[in-house]
Protein backbone atom coordinates (compact mmCIF):
# COMPACT_ATOMS: atom_id res chain seq x y z
CA MET A 1 11.31 -11.43 -11.51
CA THR A 2 12.45 -8.24 -9.79
CA ILE A 3 12.45 -4.79 -11.33
CA LEU A 4 16.03 -3.66 -10.82
CA ILE A 5 16.27 0.10 -10.72
CA ALA A 6 19.23 1.51 -12.62
CA GLN A 7 21.75 2.82 -10.11
CA PRO A 8 23.83 5.91 -10.89
CA ALA A 9 27.52 5.26 -11.47
CA GLU A 10 28.20 7.25 -8.31
CA PHE A 11 26.17 4.84 -6.13
CA GLY A 12 27.48 4.66 -2.59
CA SER A 13 29.07 8.08 -2.43
CA HIS A 14 27.14 10.79 -0.58
CA GLU A 15 29.27 13.48 -2.23
CA LYS A 16 28.63 12.12 -5.70
CA ASP A 17 24.95 11.55 -4.95
CA GLN A 18 24.72 15.22 -4.06
CA LYS A 19 26.34 16.01 -7.41
CA LEU A 20 23.65 13.93 -9.12
CA VAL A 21 20.97 15.94 -7.32
CA GLU A 22 22.51 19.20 -8.50
CA GLU A 23 22.87 18.05 -12.10
CA THR A 24 19.43 16.46 -12.47
CA ASN A 25 17.49 18.62 -10.01
CA GLU A 26 15.95 15.41 -8.67
CA LEU A 27 15.76 13.81 -5.24
CA VAL A 28 17.88 10.68 -4.74
CA LEU A 29 16.45 8.07 -2.38
CA ASP A 30 18.53 5.53 -0.48
CA GLY A 31 20.67 3.54 -2.88
CA GLY A 32 20.78 6.33 -5.46
CA PHE A 33 17.16 5.82 -6.59
CA VAL A 34 15.94 8.94 -8.34
CA MET A 35 12.57 10.45 -7.41
CA PRO A 36 10.81 12.67 -9.98
CA ASP A 37 11.66 16.34 -9.49
CA VAL A 38 7.99 17.24 -9.02
CA LEU A 39 7.91 15.35 -5.72
CA SER A 40 11.02 16.97 -4.31
CA ASN A 41 10.45 20.49 -5.64
CA PRO A 42 6.67 20.94 -5.98
CA GLU A 43 6.84 24.71 -5.60
CA GLN A 44 8.41 24.93 -9.07
CA TYR A 45 5.34 23.49 -10.73
CA SER A 46 1.78 24.59 -11.42
CA ASP A 47 -1.34 22.89 -12.74
CA ALA A 48 -0.32 23.98 -16.22
CA ASP A 49 2.73 21.67 -16.06
CA ASN A 50 0.40 18.64 -16.10
CA VAL A 51 2.24 16.88 -13.28
CA PHE A 52 1.01 15.64 -9.93
CA ILE A 53 1.70 18.03 -7.03
CA ALA A 54 1.27 16.70 -3.48
CA PRO A 55 -1.15 18.90 -1.49
CA ASP A 56 -0.39 20.13 2.00
CA MET A 57 -3.73 19.09 3.51
CA ASN A 58 -6.19 16.23 3.17
CA ALA A 59 -9.83 16.43 2.09
CA PHE A 60 -10.80 17.54 5.61
CA GLY A 61 -8.32 20.44 5.71
CA GLN A 62 -5.91 18.59 8.05
CA ALA A 63 -2.41 17.14 7.74
CA PHE A 64 -2.22 13.71 6.10
CA ARG A 65 -2.18 10.71 8.46
CA ASP A 66 -2.53 12.91 11.54
CA TYR A 67 -3.96 10.49 14.12
CA ASN A 68 -3.94 13.00 16.95
CA VAL A 69 -6.12 15.83 15.60
CA GLU A 70 -9.45 16.11 17.42
CA SER A 71 -12.46 15.29 15.23
CA GLU A 72 -15.37 12.88 15.14
CA ARG A 73 -13.75 10.97 12.29
CA GLN A 74 -10.50 10.67 14.25
CA LYS A 75 -12.36 9.18 17.22
CA GLY A 76 -13.73 6.52 14.92
CA VAL A 77 -10.28 5.91 13.44
CA GLU A 78 -8.75 5.38 16.89
CA GLU A 79 -11.53 2.97 17.85
CA PHE A 80 -10.84 1.10 14.63
CA TYR A 81 -7.17 0.69 15.57
CA ARG A 82 -8.07 -0.41 19.08
CA ASN A 83 -10.14 -3.27 17.63
CA GLN A 84 -7.51 -4.10 15.02
CA HIS A 85 -4.62 -4.25 17.48
CA ILE A 86 -6.57 -6.44 19.90
CA ASN A 87 -7.94 -8.91 17.34
CA GLN A 88 -5.18 -9.35 14.75
CA THR A 89 -3.21 -12.27 16.19
CA TYR A 90 -0.83 -14.76 14.60
CA ASP A 91 -3.43 -17.55 14.74
CA PHE A 92 -6.15 -15.31 13.30
CA VAL A 93 -4.00 -14.37 10.30
CA LYS A 94 -3.05 -17.99 9.71
CA ARG A 95 -6.74 -18.95 9.59
CA MET A 96 -7.60 -16.09 7.21
CA ARG A 97 -4.80 -16.98 4.80
CA GLU A 98 -5.93 -20.58 4.69
CA GLU A 99 -9.61 -19.71 4.24
CA TYR A 100 -9.29 -16.98 1.64
CA GLY A 101 -6.43 -18.69 -0.14
CA LYS A 102 -9.02 -21.11 -1.52
CA LEU A 103 -10.30 -18.34 -3.84
CA ASN A 104 -13.74 -19.93 -3.92
CA ARG A 105 -15.98 -16.90 -3.24
CA VAL A 106 -16.66 -15.24 -6.60
CA GLU A 107 -15.53 -15.32 -10.21
CA MET A 108 -15.34 -11.91 -11.89
CA SER A 109 -13.12 -9.55 -13.86
CA ILE A 110 -10.80 -6.88 -12.46
CA TRP A 111 -13.06 -4.06 -13.70
CA GLU A 112 -16.14 -5.66 -12.14
CA CYS A 113 -14.26 -5.64 -8.85
CA CYS A 114 -13.36 -1.96 -9.33
CA GLU A 115 -17.05 -1.15 -9.68
CA LEU A 116 -17.88 -3.10 -6.52
CA LEU A 117 -15.69 -0.68 -4.58
CA ASN A 118 -18.31 2.02 -5.11
CA GLU A 119 -19.99 0.37 -2.11
CA VAL A 120 -16.93 0.63 0.15
CA VAL A 121 -15.73 3.42 2.47
CA ASP A 122 -12.57 2.82 4.52
CA GLU A 123 -13.22 3.70 8.19
CA SER A 124 -9.50 3.55 9.05
CA ASP A 125 -8.58 6.37 6.65
CA PRO A 126 -8.30 9.77 8.36
CA ASP A 127 -7.82 11.55 5.02
CA LEU A 128 -10.84 10.70 2.86
CA ASP A 129 -14.39 9.39 3.00
CA GLU A 130 -15.01 9.06 -0.73
CA PRO A 131 -15.88 5.76 -2.49
CA GLN A 132 -12.74 3.72 -3.01
CA ILE A 133 -12.90 3.59 -6.82
CA GLN A 134 -12.20 7.32 -6.88
CA HIS A 135 -9.07 6.87 -4.77
CA LEU A 136 -7.86 4.11 -7.10
CA LEU A 137 -8.30 6.26 -10.18
CA GLN A 138 -6.83 9.36 -8.53
CA SER A 139 -3.69 7.40 -7.61
CA ALA A 140 -3.41 5.75 -11.00
CA GLU A 141 -3.92 8.96 -12.98
CA ALA A 142 -1.38 10.86 -10.87
CA ILE A 143 1.24 8.15 -11.45
CA ARG A 144 0.36 7.98 -15.14
CA LYS A 145 1.23 11.67 -15.55
CA ASP A 146 4.65 11.36 -13.94
CA TYR A 147 5.55 7.82 -15.10
CA PRO A 148 3.92 7.55 -18.56
CA ASP A 149 6.06 4.58 -19.63
CA GLU A 150 5.52 2.40 -16.54
CA ASP A 151 2.11 0.99 -17.44
CA TRP A 152 2.45 -1.81 -14.85
CA LEU A 153 2.65 0.88 -12.17
CA HIS A 154 -0.53 2.56 -13.46
CA LEU A 155 -2.39 -0.74 -13.21
CA THR A 156 -0.89 -1.54 -9.80
CA ALA A 157 -2.27 1.77 -8.53
CA LEU A 158 -5.70 0.97 -9.97
CA ILE A 159 -5.96 -2.44 -8.31
CA HIS A 160 -3.95 -2.04 -5.11
CA ASP A 161 -7.04 -1.64 -2.88
CA LEU A 162 -9.39 -4.10 -4.61
CA GLY A 163 -9.04 -6.48 -1.68
CA LYS A 164 -11.34 -4.17 0.28
CA VAL A 165 -14.23 -6.11 -1.26
CA LEU A 166 -13.70 -8.36 1.78
CA LEU A 167 -16.06 -5.91 3.51
CA LEU A 168 -18.94 -6.97 1.24
CA PRO A 169 -21.41 -9.83 1.98
CA SER A 170 -20.36 -12.03 -0.96
CA PHE A 171 -16.80 -12.02 0.39
CA GLY A 172 -17.66 -12.82 3.99
CA GLU A 173 -18.42 -9.27 5.16
CA LEU A 174 -15.36 -9.17 7.39
CA PRO A 175 -15.19 -6.41 10.01
CA GLN A 176 -13.23 -3.29 9.08
CA TRP A 177 -10.37 -4.20 11.43
CA ALA A 178 -9.79 -7.39 9.40
CA VAL A 179 -9.67 -5.60 6.05
CA VAL A 180 -8.22 -2.07 6.21
CA GLY A 181 -5.74 0.01 8.20
CA ASP A 182 -1.97 -0.16 8.57
CA THR A 183 -0.49 -3.64 8.55
CA PHE A 184 2.23 -5.06 10.83
CA PRO A 185 4.04 -8.34 11.47
CA LEU A 186 2.83 -10.99 13.91
CA GLY A 187 5.18 -13.43 15.57
CA CYS A 188 7.60 -10.78 16.79
CA ALA A 189 7.51 -7.72 19.06
CA PHE A 190 5.09 -4.92 18.13
CA HIS A 191 7.23 -1.92 17.18
CA GLN A 192 6.50 1.57 18.51
CA ALA A 193 6.22 2.77 14.88
CA ASN A 194 2.74 1.21 14.75
CA VAL A 195 0.04 3.86 15.09
CA HIS A 196 -1.88 3.69 18.41
CA HIS A 197 0.68 1.18 19.67
CA LYS A 198 -0.77 1.22 23.20
CA TYR A 199 -3.66 -1.05 22.22
CA PHE A 200 -1.36 -3.98 21.45
CA LYS A 201 -1.15 -4.62 25.19
CA GLU A 202 -4.60 -6.21 24.91
CA ASN A 203 -3.55 -8.51 22.05
CA ALA A 204 -3.33 -12.21 23.02
CA ASP A 205 0.15 -12.39 21.40
CA TYR A 206 1.57 -9.52 23.46
CA ASN A 207 2.73 -11.66 26.39
CA ASN A 208 3.74 -14.70 24.35
CA PRO A 209 7.50 -15.09 25.02
CA ASP A 210 8.06 -16.57 21.55
CA TYR A 211 6.71 -13.38 19.97
CA SER A 212 8.13 -10.79 22.37
CA THR A 213 11.64 -10.25 20.95
CA LYS A 214 12.76 -8.14 18.00
CA ASN A 215 13.10 -11.14 15.68
CA GLY A 216 10.51 -13.32 17.40
CA ILE A 217 10.09 -16.55 15.46
CA TYR A 218 11.96 -15.19 12.42
CA ALA A 219 15.59 -15.12 11.32
CA GLU A 220 17.10 -11.76 10.44
CA GLY A 221 16.95 -11.19 6.69
CA CYS A 222 14.44 -14.02 6.20
CA GLY A 223 12.39 -12.01 3.71
CA LEU A 224 8.90 -10.58 4.10
CA ASP A 225 7.47 -13.57 2.18
CA ASN A 226 8.24 -15.61 5.29
CA VAL A 227 6.71 -13.16 7.77
CA MET A 228 3.10 -13.34 8.95
CA ILE A 229 1.67 -9.87 8.29
CA SER A 230 -1.69 -8.80 9.72
CA TRP A 231 -4.58 -9.89 7.53
CA GLY A 232 -6.33 -7.44 5.25
CA HIS A 233 -7.03 -6.26 1.73
CA ASP A 234 -3.32 -6.08 0.84
CA ASP A 235 -2.55 -9.76 1.36
CA TYR A 236 -5.87 -10.84 -0.11
CA MET A 237 -5.37 -8.93 -3.38
CA TYR A 238 -1.81 -10.24 -3.57
CA LEU A 239 -3.13 -13.80 -3.31
CA VAL A 240 -5.78 -13.14 -5.96
CA ALA A 241 -3.27 -11.64 -8.38
CA LYS A 242 -0.59 -14.27 -7.85
CA GLU A 243 -2.85 -17.34 -7.94
CA ASN A 244 -4.66 -16.09 -11.06
CA GLY A 245 -1.39 -15.86 -12.95
CA THR A 246 -0.86 -12.12 -13.30
CA THR A 247 2.17 -11.05 -15.33
CA LEU A 248 2.75 -7.93 -13.24
CA PRO A 249 6.42 -7.66 -12.21
CA ALA A 250 7.49 -8.58 -8.70
CA ALA A 251 7.65 -4.89 -7.75
CA GLY A 252 3.93 -4.55 -8.56
CA LEU A 253 3.02 -7.51 -6.39
CA PHE A 254 5.23 -6.15 -3.60
CA ILE A 255 3.38 -2.81 -3.73
CA ILE A 256 0.00 -4.54 -3.59
CA ARG A 257 1.02 -6.72 -0.66
CA TYR A 258 2.81 -4.13 1.48
CA HIS A 259 1.38 -0.71 0.61
CA SER A 260 -0.36 -0.54 4.01
CA PHE A 261 2.80 -1.59 5.86
CA TYR A 262 3.42 1.98 7.05
CA PRO A 263 5.57 0.95 10.02
CA LEU A 264 8.09 -0.34 7.44
CA HIS A 265 7.97 1.97 4.44
CA THR A 266 7.32 5.17 6.38
CA GLY A 267 8.33 4.37 9.96
CA GLY A 268 11.51 2.47 9.03
CA ALA A 269 10.70 -0.41 11.38
CA TYR A 270 11.14 -4.15 10.72
CA LYS A 271 13.79 -3.66 8.02
CA HIS A 272 15.92 -6.34 9.68
CA LEU A 273 13.45 -8.93 8.36
CA MET A 274 13.81 -7.87 4.72
CA SER A 275 15.66 -9.81 2.02
CA GLU A 276 17.77 -8.14 -0.66
CA GLU A 277 14.91 -8.53 -3.14
CA ASP A 278 12.56 -6.84 -0.66
CA LYS A 279 14.97 -3.91 -0.43
CA GLU A 280 14.97 -3.47 -4.21
CA ASN A 281 11.19 -3.60 -4.42
CA LEU A 282 10.82 -1.20 -1.50
CA LYS A 283 12.24 1.55 -3.71
CA TRP A 284 9.21 1.26 -5.98
CA LEU A 285 6.88 1.18 -2.97
CA HIS A 286 8.39 4.46 -1.77
CA VAL A 287 7.53 5.99 -5.14
CA PHE A 288 4.02 4.56 -5.12
CA ASN A 289 3.27 5.68 -1.57
CA LYS A 290 3.57 9.37 -2.48
CA TYR A 291 0.68 8.99 -4.89
CA ASP A 292 -1.34 6.58 -2.74
CA LEU A 293 -1.30 9.02 0.16
CA TYR A 294 -1.29 12.48 -1.39
CA SER A 295 -3.59 11.99 -4.38
CA LYS A 296 -6.66 11.57 -2.13
CA SER A 297 -9.02 14.33 -3.16
CA LYS A 298 -12.63 15.44 -3.40
CA VAL A 299 -12.04 16.07 -7.13
CA GLN A 300 -13.66 13.20 -9.03
CA VAL A 301 -12.07 11.36 -11.96
CA ASP A 302 -14.27 10.82 -15.05
CA VAL A 303 -14.48 7.04 -14.92
CA GLU A 304 -15.83 6.50 -18.44
CA LYS A 305 -13.16 8.71 -19.96
CA VAL A 306 -10.23 6.75 -18.53
CA LYS A 307 -11.82 3.27 -18.54
CA PRO A 308 -10.62 2.22 -22.05
CA TYR A 309 -6.98 2.83 -21.10
CA TYR A 310 -7.19 0.80 -17.91
CA MET A 311 -9.12 -1.98 -19.62
CA SER A 312 -6.20 -2.32 -22.06
CA LEU A 313 -3.81 -2.75 -19.12
CA ILE A 314 -6.08 -5.26 -17.39
CA ASN A 315 -6.16 -7.33 -20.58
CA LYS A 316 -2.37 -7.13 -20.83
CA TYR A 317 -1.56 -8.28 -17.30
CA PHE A 318 -4.55 -10.41 -16.19
CA PRO A 319 -6.87 -13.11 -17.49
CA SER A 320 -10.39 -11.94 -18.37
CA MET A 321 -11.95 -13.66 -15.36
CA LEU A 322 -10.39 -14.26 -11.95
CA ARG A 323 -11.18 -16.46 -8.96
CA TRP A 324 -11.64 -14.41 -5.79
């Protein structure tokens, strides 16, 4: 199932799309997809409007996803990406998918997994060093304000990073480079849109002639389902959700699986590998990404206050216990 986003009647006409912008005061994404006005015109809103407003700076007073600013945290982030780019190979990802696809580590509920994330801090994130459960709730609550009727999107935001439990002992205690950070395809050339691209030169796949062209081992338009993406929390949580029979729509699963694929959804790279269904789902990922990135804050969400609402969504879209 794919969530098909209603297209304006004027779809395909730049002039008419501009007319839509003027009439609705909203931003139209590629394909006529309408973004909430608050994201395109934040200066018109205040806290009193009860809508999410993207801040200009991260929790450290710096621009979001700025990998060049000088700081101790940034040095650690660059070292993280050096290790990730060297060690994430096609064969490594294939082994990880086979091993973790067994889902034989733990049996627990979605909320129990949320609570486990209190023990996790993402070393690849230049924007925040808070426990991950706060980021999940900040994202979910921000989306809930602007999209009150899309409960599947609220829940997707809550669970999108749960795969980071791979860092914990009961899940194999994988190194950070095998769990977090931006994701990218293996089996084809490494695009310059990848952050700290220079370190790919030390990757064992870099000089493999089969992987050195734009398409590599893939056919154009093959669909991201058929592409080997670097291993991490995204793919793991996708496997957990899918194999445990979630009823989230395909757009929710797409967000979970590719939300760290910044070279694609922000850098515009690798689009030649996408299927038509991928392109439809990418529209929802573009919406989600605004909240995933810009809702990171030092302001804490009252977990107990919002828990009953999210428990109702978990019960709606997931079984009570899941295999991990």
